[in-house]
Amino acid sequence: MKHVTLYTQPDCPPCEVVKLFMKEYKIEYIEKNIKEDNEARDYLIKQLKAYSTPTITVDDTVITGFDLDGLKAALEI
């Protein structure tokens, strides 16, 4: 099973679509709200070099922004 983390923030419509996608495909993931979790925000910016949500990590693959095709490829679905 792949390790999936979803970086989100409130009032992010693409984040909600990604959550629905994960639910539809029964993908387990950890959600990190960057507005509430300063460590997650810092990791998103400093380690992942991402500045937008949704940003998703699938094992070592980083998908920045709303990219369902990239997410499907990373999840091999």
Protein backbone atom coordinates (compact mmCIF):
# COMPACT_ATOMS: atom_id res chain seq x y z
CA MET A 1 0.00 0.00 0.00
CA LYS A 2 1.25 3.44 -0.89
CA HIS A 3 1.71 6.16 1.72
CA VAL A 4 -0.43 9.15 0.69
CA THR A 5 -0.48 12.59 2.31
CA LEU A 6 -2.80 15.38 1.19
CA TYR A 7 -1.88 18.96 2.08
CA THR A 8 -4.99 21.15 2.16
CA GLN A 9 -6.37 24.42 3.44
CA PRO A 10 -9.88 25.71 4.13
CA ASP A 11 -11.94 27.11 1.25
CA CYS A 12 -9.96 25.14 -1.35
CA PRO A 13 -12.44 23.68 -3.88
CA PRO A 14 -9.76 21.58 -5.66
CA CYS A 15 -8.84 20.06 -2.28
CA GLU A 16 -12.44 18.95 -1.82
CA VAL A 17 -12.47 17.35 -5.27
CA VAL A 18 -9.29 15.43 -4.46
CA LYS A 19 -10.88 14.20 -1.19
CA LEU A 20 -13.91 12.97 -3.16
CA PHE A 21 -11.57 11.25 -5.62
CA MET A 22 -9.77 9.50 -2.74
CA LYS A 23 -13.08 8.39 -1.25
CA GLU A 24 -14.34 7.09 -4.60
CA TYR A 25 -11.21 4.99 -5.13
CA LYS A 26 -11.02 4.00 -1.44
CA ILE A 27 -7.54 5.48 -1.07
CA GLU A 28 -6.38 5.88 2.52
CA TYR A 29 -4.54 9.14 3.15
CA ILE A 30 -3.39 11.51 5.83
CA GLU A 31 -4.74 15.05 5.54
CA LYS A 32 -2.64 17.96 6.75
CA ASN A 33 -4.32 21.36 6.93
CA ILE A 34 -1.55 23.91 6.39
CA LYS A 35 -3.59 26.70 8.02
CA GLU A 36 -3.81 24.77 11.30
CA ASP A 37 -0.53 22.83 11.20
CA ASN A 38 2.52 25.09 11.02
CA GLU A 39 4.92 22.15 10.76
CA ALA A 40 3.00 20.80 7.76
CA ARG A 41 3.04 24.25 6.12
CA ASP A 42 6.79 24.59 6.67
CA TYR A 43 7.39 21.07 5.29
CA LEU A 44 5.23 21.84 2.25
CA ILE A 45 7.26 24.95 1.46
CA LYS A 46 10.78 24.00 2.52
CA GLN A 47 10.96 20.28 1.74
CA LEU A 48 8.41 19.79 -1.03
CA LYS A 49 9.06 23.21 -2.64
CA ALA A 50 5.30 23.63 -3.08
CA TYR A 51 3.30 26.78 -2.48
CA SER A 52 -0.24 25.71 -3.35
CA THR A 53 -2.91 23.27 -2.33
CA PRO A 54 -3.77 20.63 -2.95
CA THR A 55 -0.32 19.11 -2.85
CA ILE A 56 -0.19 15.35 -2.57
CA THR A 57 2.66 13.00 -1.82
CA VAL A 58 2.41 9.38 -2.90
CA ASP A 59 5.44 7.68 -1.41
CA ASP A 60 8.28 9.81 -2.90
CA THR A 61 6.20 11.36 -5.70
CA VAL A 62 4.97 14.94 -5.23
CA ILE A 63 1.90 16.15 -7.13
CA THR A 64 1.46 19.90 -6.86
CA GLY A 65 -1.86 21.53 -7.65
CA PHE A 66 -4.97 19.94 -9.07
CA ASP A 67 -3.66 17.10 -11.25
CA LEU A 68 -5.96 14.07 -11.18
CA ASP A 69 -4.10 12.44 -14.08
CA GLY A 70 -0.81 12.75 -12.21
CA LEU A 71 -2.47 11.42 -9.07
CA LYS A 72 -3.90 8.42 -10.95
CA ALA A 73 -0.47 7.68 -12.39
CA ALA A 74 1.22 7.90 -9.00
CA LEU A 75 -1.43 5.63 -7.48
CA GLU A 76 -1.29 3.29 -10.48
CA ILE A 77 -5.05 3.42 -11.12
